[in-house]
Amino acid sequence: MISPLVRTIAAEHGVDLAALTPTGPRGVILRRDVEQAIARQSELSAAPTTSVVPASVVVADRIRLRGLRRAVADKMARSRREIPDATTWVDVDATGLLAVKDTLRRTRPDLGIGLLALLARICVDGLLRFPELNSSVDTGRAEIIRYRHVHLGFAAQTDRGLLVPVVRDADQMATGRLAAELARLTGLACTEKLPPEPLTGGTFGALGVDGSTPIINHPEAAILGVGRIIDRPWVTGGAVTARKVTQLSLTFDHRVCDGAAAAGFLRHVADRVEDPSVLLTKA
């Protein structure tokens, strides 16, 4: 057992309880163990460092990391430091997905369903089938936390940089409502009216890219990168034709699942992109 106070102190200072050597009776981690770890961190931070800029290089400007940019930088650095991640990817024929989007825009323009909403719907469907990826790791308790609902984070480019608003309970929404919530949060983010709450609490992330190994948004367990949809040669029925192709890349926390589960999720998402007719029943 570790007291709630000790857990709180450790969390506030970013101390990994699993990495500590307990000094209490029967292997209990005490407050002094955490305080000693904090002191060691402070000593490392206070150690003199040399400039990363060579003396021969003329510096044009120095921009202090502050506010949102500092928070994002800290979170990305923490993700790289704490999460043993791996990435898998697949090229996908998205011609059918574009056809479904066009059909919905023509038959149900009132719903405002675009590609982002369709991809979000597909992600949610995949997470319900592979709940290992809708989770996070509590290092203090050495536990994997699986969530009952999907809180879907998505990338929104704004004047303040890339923000990740969170659609809460996305698994409870039909595609039309999901589209409306994505549009609402994007609008708030772009007008700088988005409060802090919708930027936290995500359980899974999605990012629009050209092809990459995206960094997981700590403490989420995975992030799906979706490349631009472009014309590429594709073999269909034994013949090479021009199709609308995209690349899907999934970066996942190897602590929450193995490669087979991650590949299964990605294959499920890819299959839905290639044959999205089921989405028409969930609009």
C-alpha atoms as a PDB file:
ATOM      1  CA  MET A   1       0.000   0.000   0.000  1.00  0.00           C
ATOM      2  CA  ILE A   2       1.102   3.550  -0.797  1.00  0.00           C
ATOM      3  CA  SER A   3      -0.626   6.395   0.995  1.00  0.00           C
ATOM      4  CA  PRO A   4      -2.715   8.855  -1.084  1.00  0.00           C
ATOM      5  CA  LEU A   5      -0.478  11.709   0.091  1.00  0.00           C
ATOM      6  CA  VAL A   6       2.646   9.957  -1.196  1.00  0.00           C
ATOM      7  CA  ARG A   7       0.932   9.268  -4.533  1.00  0.00           C
ATOM      8  CA  THR A   8      -0.107  12.920  -4.812  1.00  0.00           C
ATOM      9  CA  ILE A   9       3.399  14.217  -4.086  1.00  0.00           C
ATOM     10  CA  ALA A  10       4.878  11.797  -6.620  1.00  0.00           C
ATOM     11  CA  ALA A  11       2.356  12.750  -9.305  1.00  0.00           C
ATOM     12  CA  GLU A  12       2.915  16.485  -8.772  1.00  0.00           C
ATOM     13  CA  HIS A  13       6.673  16.088  -9.284  1.00  0.00           C
ATOM     14  CA  GLY A  14       6.579  13.467 -12.045  1.00  0.00           C
ATOM     15  CA  VAL A  15       8.152  10.730  -9.901  1.00  0.00           C
ATOM     16  CA  ASP A  16       7.666   7.177 -11.183  1.00  0.00           C
ATOM     17  CA  LEU A  17       6.803   5.158  -8.080  1.00  0.00           C
ATOM     18  CA  ALA A  18       7.580   1.896  -9.848  1.00  0.00           C
ATOM     19  CA  ALA A  19      11.199   3.021 -10.249  1.00  0.00           C
ATOM     20  CA  LEU A  20      11.758   3.718  -6.532  1.00  0.00           C
ATOM     21  CA  THR A  21      13.419   1.435  -3.996  1.00  0.00           C
ATOM     22  CA  PRO A  22      11.069   1.288  -0.989  1.00  0.00           C
ATOM     23  CA  THR A  23      12.537   1.713   2.498  1.00  0.00           C
ATOM     24  CA  GLY A  24       9.371   1.143   4.494  1.00  0.00           C
ATOM     25  CA  PRO A  25       8.316  -2.071   6.233  1.00  0.00           C
ATOM     26  CA  ARG A  26       7.275  -4.901   3.887  1.00  0.00           C
ATOM     27  CA  GLY A  27       8.378  -2.970   0.826  1.00  0.00           C
ATOM     28  CA  VAL A  28       6.187   0.105   1.353  1.00  0.00           C
ATOM     29  CA  ILE A  29       7.229   3.317  -0.438  1.00  0.00           C
ATOM     30  CA  LEU A  30       7.393   6.115   2.114  1.00  0.00           C
ATOM     31  CA  ARG A  31       7.170   9.867   1.746  1.00  0.00           C
ATOM     32  CA  ARG A  32      10.914  10.196   2.302  1.00  0.00           C
ATOM     33  CA  ASP A  33      11.553   7.851  -0.656  1.00  0.00           C
ATOM     34  CA  VAL A  34       9.612  10.190  -2.930  1.00  0.00           C
ATOM     35  CA  GLU A  35      11.213  13.307  -1.459  1.00  0.00           C
ATOM     36  CA  GLN A  36      14.680  11.840  -2.044  1.00  0.00           C
ATOM     37  CA  ALA A  37      13.762  11.127  -5.669  1.00  0.00           C
ATOM     38  CA  ILE A  38      12.541  14.722  -6.049  1.00  0.00           C
ATOM     39  CA  ALA A  39      15.812  15.986  -4.582  1.00  0.00           C
ATOM     40  CA  ARG A  40      17.797  13.899  -7.071  1.00  0.00           C
ATOM     41  CA  GLN A  41      15.733  15.337  -9.915  1.00  0.00           C
ATOM     42  CA  SER A  42      16.405  18.862  -8.647  1.00  0.00           C
ATOM     43  CA  GLU A  43      20.142  18.192  -8.500  1.00  0.00           C
ATOM     44  CA  LEU A  44      20.116  16.981 -12.097  1.00  0.00           C
ATOM     45  CA  SER A  45      18.115  20.023 -13.204  1.00  0.00           C
ATOM     46  CA  ALA A  46      20.475  22.380 -11.392  1.00  0.00           C
ATOM     47  CA  ALA A  47      23.612  20.818 -12.850  1.00  0.00           C
ATOM     48  CA  PRO A  48      25.506  23.220 -15.127  1.00  0.00           C
ATOM     49  CA  THR A  49      24.977  22.616 -18.829  1.00  0.00           C
ATOM     50  CA  THR A  50      26.863  23.775 -21.855  1.00  0.00           C
ATOM     51  CA  SER A  51      25.203  25.814 -24.565  1.00  0.00           C
ATOM     52  CA  VAL A  52      23.695  23.796 -27.406  1.00  0.00           C
ATOM     53  CA  VAL A  53      24.604  26.619 -29.808  1.00  0.00           C
ATOM     54  CA  PRO A  54      28.154  26.554 -31.243  1.00  0.00           C
ATOM     55  CA  ALA A  55      30.080  29.760 -30.627  1.00  0.00           C
ATOM     56  CA  SER A  56      30.445  30.321 -34.377  1.00  0.00           C
ATOM     57  CA  VAL A  57      26.670  30.405 -34.962  1.00  0.00           C
ATOM     58  CA  VAL A  58      24.889  33.776 -34.831  1.00  0.00           C
ATOM     59  CA  VAL A  59      21.579  33.506 -32.950  1.00  0.00           C
ATOM     60  CA  ALA A  60      18.753  35.486 -34.557  1.00  0.00           C
ATOM     61  CA  ASP A  61      16.299  35.157 -31.676  1.00  0.00           C
ATOM     62  CA  ARG A  62      15.386  33.160 -28.583  1.00  0.00           C
ATOM     63  CA  ILE A  63      11.723  32.355 -28.041  1.00  0.00           C
ATOM     64  CA  ARG A  64      10.744  31.382 -24.520  1.00  0.00           C
ATOM     65  CA  LEU A  65       8.518  28.344 -24.199  1.00  0.00           C
ATOM     66  CA  ARG A  66       5.512  29.482 -22.235  1.00  0.00           C
ATOM     67  CA  GLY A  67       1.794  28.904 -21.856  1.00  0.00           C
ATOM     68  CA  LEU A  68       0.272  26.449 -24.302  1.00  0.00           C
ATOM     69  CA  ARG A  69       3.504  25.896 -26.229  1.00  0.00           C
ATOM     70  CA  ARG A  70       5.350  25.026 -22.990  1.00  0.00           C
ATOM     71  CA  ALA A  71       2.563  22.645 -21.950  1.00  0.00           C
ATOM     72  CA  VAL A  72       2.645  20.877 -25.317  1.00  0.00           C
ATOM     73  CA  ALA A  73       6.442  20.634 -25.256  1.00  0.00           C
ATOM     74  CA  ASP A  74       6.415  19.169 -21.748  1.00  0.00           C
ATOM     75  CA  LYS A  75       3.717  16.645 -22.659  1.00  0.00           C
ATOM     76  CA  MET A  76       5.500  15.504 -25.816  1.00  0.00           C
ATOM     77  CA  ALA A  77       8.809  15.176 -23.951  1.00  0.00           C
ATOM     78  CA  ARG A  78       7.093  13.189 -21.208  1.00  0.00           C
ATOM     79  CA  SER A  79       5.524  10.922 -23.815  1.00  0.00           C
ATOM     80  CA  ARG A  80       8.899  10.166 -25.369  1.00  0.00           C
ATOM     81  CA  ARG A  81      10.482   9.675 -21.944  1.00  0.00           C
ATOM     82  CA  GLU A  82       7.858   7.389 -20.405  1.00  0.00           C
ATOM     83  CA  ILE A  83       6.058   5.521 -23.189  1.00  0.00           C
ATOM     84  CA  PRO A  84       7.732   2.574 -24.962  1.00  0.00           C
ATOM     85  CA  ASP A  85       5.985   3.122 -28.266  1.00  0.00           C
ATOM     86  CA  ALA A  86       5.954   1.325 -31.592  1.00  0.00           C
ATOM     87  CA  THR A  87       4.429   2.243 -34.951  1.00  0.00           C
ATOM     88  CA  THR A  88       2.709   0.174 -37.612  1.00  0.00           C
ATOM     89  CA  TRP A  89       1.232   1.464 -40.866  1.00  0.00           C
ATOM     90  CA  VAL A  90      -0.700   0.423 -43.953  1.00  0.00           C
ATOM     91  CA  ASP A  91      -1.666   1.956 -47.308  1.00  0.00           C
ATOM     92  CA  VAL A  92      -5.429   2.010 -47.846  1.00  0.00           C
ATOM     93  CA  ASP A  93      -7.762   2.523 -50.807  1.00  0.00           C
ATOM     94  CA  ALA A  94     -10.066   5.321 -49.610  1.00  0.00           C
ATOM     95  CA  THR A  95     -12.095   5.603 -52.826  1.00  0.00           C
ATOM     96  CA  GLY A  96     -15.129   4.046 -51.150  1.00  0.00           C
ATOM     97  CA  LEU A  97     -14.854   6.361 -48.153  1.00  0.00           C
ATOM     98  CA  LEU A  98     -14.927   9.412 -50.411  1.00  0.00           C
ATOM     99  CA  ALA A  99     -17.972   7.978 -52.172  1.00  0.00           C
ATOM    100  CA  VAL A 100     -19.785   7.567 -48.840  1.00  0.00           C
ATOM    101  CA  LYS A 101     -18.897  11.142 -47.884  1.00  0.00           C
ATOM    102  CA  ASP A 102     -20.286  12.437 -51.182  1.00  0.00           C
ATOM    103  CA  THR A 103     -23.444  10.341 -50.780  1.00  0.00           C
ATOM    104  CA  LEU A 104     -24.089  11.691 -47.288  1.00  0.00           C
ATOM    105  CA  ARG A 105     -23.414  15.257 -48.375  1.00  0.00           C
ATOM    106  CA  ARG A 106     -25.945  14.808 -51.185  1.00  0.00           C
ATOM    107  CA  THR A 107     -28.669  12.910 -49.314  1.00  0.00           C
ATOM    108  CA  ARG A 108     -28.234  14.378 -45.803  1.00  0.00           C
ATOM    109  CA  PRO A 109     -26.633  17.821 -46.159  1.00  0.00           C
ATOM    110  CA  ASP A 110     -28.212  18.806 -42.844  1.00  0.00           C
ATOM    111  CA  LEU A 111     -25.845  16.463 -40.991  1.00  0.00           C
ATOM    112  CA  GLY A 112     -22.656  18.131 -42.274  1.00  0.00           C
ATOM    113  CA  ILE A 113     -20.716  14.857 -42.220  1.00  0.00           C
ATOM    114  CA  GLY A 114     -17.217  15.157 -43.691  1.00  0.00           C
ATOM    115  CA  LEU A 115     -14.137  12.961 -43.799  1.00  0.00           C
ATOM    116  CA  LEU A 116     -13.042  13.795 -40.254  1.00  0.00           C
ATOM    117  CA  ALA A 117     -16.362  12.643 -38.818  1.00  0.00           C
ATOM    118  CA  LEU A 118     -16.284   9.437 -40.862  1.00  0.00           C
ATOM    119  CA  LEU A 119     -12.732   8.662 -39.759  1.00  0.00           C
ATOM    120  CA  ALA A 120     -13.676   9.419 -36.155  1.00  0.00           C
ATOM    121  CA  ARG A 121     -16.623   7.033 -36.460  1.00  0.00           C
ATOM    122  CA  ILE A 122     -14.282   4.337 -37.815  1.00  0.00           C
ATOM    123  CA  CYS A 123     -11.786   4.906 -34.967  1.00  0.00           C
ATOM    124  CA  VAL A 124     -14.509   4.591 -32.353  1.00  0.00           C
ATOM    125  CA  ASP A 125     -15.767   1.404 -33.991  1.00  0.00           C
ATOM    126  CA  GLY A 126     -12.247  -0.023 -33.888  1.00  0.00           C
ATOM    127  CA  LEU A 127     -11.712   0.925 -30.239  1.00  0.00           C
ATOM    128  CA  LEU A 128     -14.914  -0.823 -29.206  1.00  0.00           C
ATOM    129  CA  ARG A 129     -13.556  -3.945 -30.886  1.00  0.00           C
ATOM    130  CA  PHE A 130     -10.011  -3.520 -29.505  1.00  0.00           C
ATOM    131  CA  PRO A 131     -10.484  -1.908 -26.053  1.00  0.00           C
ATOM    132  CA  GLU A 132      -6.805  -2.465 -25.206  1.00  0.00           C
ATOM    133  CA  LEU A 133      -6.046   0.743 -27.090  1.00  0.00           C
ATOM    134  CA  ASN A 134      -8.649   2.789 -25.204  1.00  0.00           C
ATOM    135  CA  SER A 135      -6.563   2.826 -22.060  1.00  0.00           C
ATOM    136  CA  SER A 136      -3.633   4.340 -20.197  1.00  0.00           C
ATOM    137  CA  VAL A 137      -0.977   3.177 -17.744  1.00  0.00           C
ATOM    138  CA  ASP A 138      -0.913   4.104 -14.047  1.00  0.00           C
ATOM    139  CA  THR A 139       2.788   3.655 -13.292  1.00  0.00           C
ATOM    140  CA  GLY A 140       2.264   4.381  -9.600  1.00  0.00           C
ATOM    141  CA  ARG A 141      -0.076   1.433  -9.158  1.00  0.00           C
ATOM    142  CA  ALA A 142       1.499  -0.661 -11.931  1.00  0.00           C
ATOM    143  CA  GLU A 143      -1.939  -0.969 -13.544  1.00  0.00           C
ATOM    144  CA  ILE A 144      -3.449  -0.601 -16.998  1.00  0.00           C
ATOM    145  CA  ILE A 145      -6.612   1.504 -16.880  1.00  0.00           C
ATOM    146  CA  ARG A 146      -9.237   0.589 -19.479  1.00  0.00           C
ATOM    147  CA  TYR A 147     -11.944   3.165 -20.036  1.00  0.00           C
ATOM    148  CA  ARG A 148     -15.648   2.511 -20.340  1.00  0.00           C
ATOM    149  CA  HIS A 149     -16.192   5.251 -22.932  1.00  0.00           C
ATOM    150  CA  VAL A 150     -14.113   6.683 -25.784  1.00  0.00           C
ATOM    151  CA  HIS A 151     -12.931  10.272 -25.350  1.00  0.00           C
ATOM    152  CA  LEU A 152     -11.528  10.979 -28.808  1.00  0.00           C
ATOM    153  CA  GLY A 153      -8.809  13.608 -29.188  1.00  0.00           C
ATOM    154  CA  PHE A 154      -8.305  15.098 -32.648  1.00  0.00           C
ATOM    155  CA  ALA A 155      -5.780  17.527 -34.086  1.00  0.00           C
ATOM    156  CA  ALA A 156      -6.924  21.081 -34.862  1.00  0.00           C
ATOM    157  CA  GLN A 157      -4.505  23.557 -36.455  1.00  0.00           C
ATOM    158  CA  THR A 158      -4.917  27.054 -34.981  1.00  0.00           C
ATOM    159  CA  ASP A 159      -3.003  30.337 -34.806  1.00  0.00           C
ATOM    160  CA  ARG A 160      -1.719  29.166 -31.410  1.00  0.00           C
ATOM    161  CA  GLY A 161      -0.364  25.961 -32.913  1.00  0.00           C
ATOM    162  CA  LEU A 162      -1.715  22.439 -32.999  1.00  0.00           C
ATOM    163  CA  LEU A 163      -4.390  21.831 -30.359  1.00  0.00           C
ATOM    164  CA  VAL A 164      -6.022  18.520 -29.462  1.00  0.00           C
ATOM    165  CA  PRO A 165      -9.661  19.066 -28.438  1.00  0.00           C
ATOM    166  CA  VAL A 166     -11.416  16.015 -27.002  1.00  0.00           C
ATOM    167  CA  VAL A 167     -14.840  14.711 -28.016  1.00  0.00           C
ATOM    168  CA  ARG A 168     -16.130  13.119 -24.837  1.00  0.00           C
ATOM    169  CA  ASP A 169     -18.211   9.937 -24.993  1.00  0.00           C
ATOM    170  CA  ALA A 170     -17.698   9.697 -28.747  1.00  0.00           C
ATOM    171  CA  ASP A 171     -18.842   6.081 -28.608  1.00  0.00           C
ATOM    172  CA  GLN A 172     -22.320   7.274 -27.589  1.00  0.00           C
ATOM    173  CA  MET A 173     -22.746   9.489 -30.664  1.00  0.00           C
ATOM    174  CA  ALA A 174     -24.192   8.824 -34.094  1.00  0.00           C
ATOM    175  CA  THR A 175     -22.013  10.114 -36.926  1.00  0.00           C
ATOM    176  CA  GLY A 176     -24.107  13.255 -37.412  1.00  0.00           C
ATOM    177  CA  ARG A 177     -23.771  14.281 -33.781  1.00  0.00           C
ATOM    178  CA  LEU A 178     -20.077  13.410 -33.881  1.00  0.00           C
ATOM    179  CA  ALA A 179     -19.657  15.706 -36.898  1.00  0.00           C
ATOM    180  CA  ALA A 180     -21.435  18.535 -35.083  1.00  0.00           C
ATOM    181  CA  GLU A 181     -19.235  18.181 -32.001  1.00  0.00           C
ATOM    182  CA  LEU A 182     -16.052  18.074 -34.085  1.00  0.00           C
ATOM    183  CA  ALA A 183     -17.133  21.256 -35.872  1.00  0.00           C
ATOM    184  CA  ARG A 184     -18.062  22.980 -32.597  1.00  0.00           C
ATOM    185  CA  LEU A 185     -14.758  22.201 -30.895  1.00  0.00           C
ATOM    186  CA  THR A 186     -12.736  23.125 -33.988  1.00  0.00           C
ATOM    187  CA  GLY A 187     -14.525  26.480 -34.169  1.00  0.00           C
ATOM    188  CA  LEU A 188     -13.843  27.202 -30.496  1.00  0.00           C
ATOM    189  CA  ALA A 189     -10.190  26.228 -30.881  1.00  0.00           C
ATOM    190  CA  CYS A 190      -9.673  28.468 -33.914  1.00  0.00           C
ATOM    191  CA  THR A 191     -11.307  31.473 -32.221  1.00  0.00           C
ATOM    192  CA  GLU A 192      -9.325  30.927 -28.990  1.00  0.00           C
ATOM    193  CA  LYS A 193     -12.555  30.411 -27.042  1.00  0.00           C
ATOM    194  CA  LEU A 194     -11.879  26.792 -26.124  1.00  0.00           C
ATOM    195  CA  PRO A 195     -11.739  26.351 -22.319  1.00  0.00           C
ATOM    196  CA  PRO A 196      -9.081  24.050 -20.789  1.00  0.00           C
ATOM    197  CA  GLU A 197     -11.462  21.153 -20.072  1.00  0.00           C
ATOM    198  CA  PRO A 198     -11.973  20.020 -23.706  1.00  0.00           C
ATOM    199  CA  LEU A 199      -8.185  19.857 -24.137  1.00  0.00           C
ATOM    200  CA  THR A 200      -7.735  17.171 -21.471  1.00  0.00           C
ATOM    201  CA  GLY A 201      -8.977  13.702 -20.678  1.00  0.00           C
ATOM    202  CA  GLY A 202      -8.579  12.087 -24.088  1.00  0.00           C
ATOM    203  CA  THR A 203      -8.272   8.298 -24.257  1.00  0.00           C
ATOM    204  CA  PHE A 204      -7.239   8.023 -27.935  1.00  0.00           C
ATOM    205  CA  GLY A 205      -5.943  10.461 -30.551  1.00  0.00           C
ATOM    206  CA  ALA A 206      -6.213  11.008 -34.302  1.00  0.00           C
ATOM    207  CA  LEU A 207      -3.909  13.236 -36.364  1.00  0.00           C
ATOM    208  CA  GLY A 208      -4.033  14.298 -40.012  1.00  0.00           C
ATOM    209  CA  VAL A 209      -0.587  13.906 -41.597  1.00  0.00           C
ATOM    210  CA  ASP A 210       1.128  13.046 -44.873  1.00  0.00           C
ATOM    211  CA  GLY A 211       2.724   9.968 -43.345  1.00  0.00           C
ATOM    212  CA  SER A 212       4.658   9.837 -40.092  1.00  0.00           C
ATOM    213  CA  THR A 213       5.261   8.152 -36.757  1.00  0.00           C
ATOM    214  CA  PRO A 214       3.130  10.465 -34.571  1.00  0.00           C
ATOM    215  CA  ILE A 215       3.952  11.006 -30.896  1.00  0.00           C
ATOM    216  CA  ILE A 216       1.332   9.737 -28.461  1.00  0.00           C
ATOM    217  CA  ASN A 217      -0.447  12.464 -26.517  1.00  0.00           C
ATOM    218  CA  HIS A 218       0.429  11.417 -22.939  1.00  0.00           C
ATOM    219  CA  PRO A 219      -1.261   9.680 -21.101  1.00  0.00           C
ATOM    220  CA  GLU A 220      -3.221   8.193 -24.011  1.00  0.00           C
ATOM    221  CA  ALA A 221      -2.182   4.751 -25.246  1.00  0.00           C
ATOM    222  CA  ALA A 222      -2.253   5.307 -29.003  1.00  0.00           C
ATOM    223  CA  ILE A 223      -2.616   7.798 -31.842  1.00  0.00           C
ATOM    224  CA  LEU A 224      -3.736   7.231 -35.427  1.00  0.00           C
ATOM    225  CA  GLY A 225      -2.110   9.257 -38.192  1.00  0.00           C
ATOM    226  CA  VAL A 226      -4.102   9.696 -41.414  1.00  0.00           C
ATOM    227  CA  GLY A 227      -2.243  10.768 -44.528  1.00  0.00           C
ATOM    228  CA  ARG A 228      -3.481  12.922 -47.391  1.00  0.00           C
ATOM    229  CA  ILE A 229      -5.733  11.115 -49.839  1.00  0.00           C
ATOM    230  CA  ILE A 230      -3.991  11.218 -53.227  1.00  0.00           C
ATOM    231  CA  ASP A 231      -4.281   9.517 -56.608  1.00  0.00           C
ATOM    232  CA  ARG A 232      -2.031   6.459 -56.812  1.00  0.00           C
ATOM    233  CA  PRO A 233      -1.852   3.331 -58.977  1.00  0.00           C
ATOM    234  CA  TRP A 234      -3.659   0.451 -57.263  1.00  0.00           C
ATOM    235  CA  VAL A 235      -4.282  -3.151 -58.267  1.00  0.00           C
ATOM    236  CA  THR A 236      -8.022  -3.889 -58.364  1.00  0.00           C
ATOM    237  CA  GLY A 237      -9.350  -7.121 -59.824  1.00  0.00           C
ATOM    238  CA  GLY A 238      -5.990  -7.896 -61.376  1.00  0.00           C
ATOM    239  CA  ALA A 239      -5.773  -4.551 -63.186  1.00  0.00           C
ATOM    240  CA  VAL A 240      -3.849  -1.417 -62.257  1.00  0.00           C
ATOM    241  CA  THR A 241      -6.131   1.598 -61.916  1.00  0.00           C
ATOM    242  CA  ALA A 242      -5.945   5.046 -60.347  1.00  0.00           C
ATOM    243  CA  ARG A 243      -7.484   5.041 -56.856  1.00  0.00           C
ATOM    244  CA  LYS A 244      -7.716   7.458 -53.946  1.00  0.00           C
ATOM    245  CA  VAL A 245      -5.082   6.142 -51.527  1.00  0.00           C
ATOM    246  CA  THR A 246      -4.029   7.196 -48.032  1.00  0.00           C
ATOM    247  CA  GLN A 247      -1.586   5.909 -45.437  1.00  0.00           C
ATOM    248  CA  LEU A 248      -2.711   5.034 -41.915  1.00  0.00           C
ATOM    249  CA  SER A 249      -0.045   4.948 -39.186  1.00  0.00           C
ATOM    250  CA  LEU A 250      -0.738   3.785 -35.641  1.00  0.00           C
ATOM    251  CA  THR A 251       1.665   4.578 -32.809  1.00  0.00           C
ATOM    252  CA  PHE A 252       0.794   2.635 -29.662  1.00  0.00           C
ATOM    253  CA  ASP A 253       2.024   2.100 -26.112  1.00  0.00           C
ATOM    254  CA  HIS A 254       3.569  -1.369 -26.048  1.00  0.00           C
ATOM    255  CA  ARG A 255       2.723  -1.686 -22.355  1.00  0.00           C
ATOM    256  CA  VAL A 256      -1.021  -1.831 -23.003  1.00  0.00           C
ATOM    257  CA  CYS A 257      -1.064  -4.288 -25.891  1.00  0.00           C
ATOM    258  CA  ASP A 258       1.130  -6.380 -28.143  1.00  0.00           C
ATOM    259  CA  GLY A 259       1.742  -5.895 -31.840  1.00  0.00           C
ATOM    260  CA  ALA A 260      -0.999  -8.348 -32.803  1.00  0.00           C
ATOM    261  CA  ALA A 261      -3.736  -6.292 -31.130  1.00  0.00           C
ATOM    262  CA  ALA A 262      -2.392  -3.053 -32.613  1.00  0.00           C
ATOM    263  CA  ALA A 263      -2.224  -4.619 -36.074  1.00  0.00           C
ATOM    264  CA  GLY A 264      -5.744  -5.974 -35.614  1.00  0.00           C
ATOM    265  CA  PHE A 265      -7.074  -2.514 -34.795  1.00  0.00           C
ATOM    266  CA  LEU A 266      -5.270  -0.945 -37.743  1.00  0.00           C
ATOM    267  CA  ARG A 267      -6.514  -3.649 -40.104  1.00  0.00           C
ATOM    268  CA  HIS A 268     -10.071  -3.138 -38.825  1.00  0.00           C
ATOM    269  CA  VAL A 269      -9.807   0.600 -39.460  1.00  0.00           C
ATOM    270  CA  ALA A 270      -8.314  -0.017 -42.914  1.00  0.00           C
ATOM    271  CA  ASP A 271     -11.107  -2.453 -43.816  1.00  0.00           C
ATOM    272  CA  ARG A 272     -13.730   0.104 -42.776  1.00  0.00           C
ATOM    273  CA  VAL A 273     -12.032   2.783 -44.870  1.00  0.00           C
ATOM    274  CA  GLU A 274     -11.996   0.476 -47.888  1.00  0.00           C
ATOM    275  CA  ASP A 275     -15.571  -0.783 -47.367  1.00  0.00           C
ATOM    276  CA  PRO A 276     -17.386   1.898 -45.350  1.00  0.00           C
ATOM    277  CA  SER A 277     -20.966   0.974 -46.309  1.00  0.00           C
ATOM    278  CA  VAL A 278     -21.692   0.113 -42.668  1.00  0.00           C
ATOM    279  CA  LEU A 279     -21.213   3.807 -41.840  1.00  0.00           C
ATOM    280  CA  LEU A 280     -24.373   4.665 -43.746  1.00  0.00           C
ATOM    281  CA  THR A 281     -26.399   2.817 -41.097  1.00  0.00           C
ATOM    282  CA  LYS A 282     -24.811   4.832 -38.270  1.00  0.00           C
ATOM    283  CA  ALA A 283     -25.222   8.345 -39.673  1.00  0.00           C
END
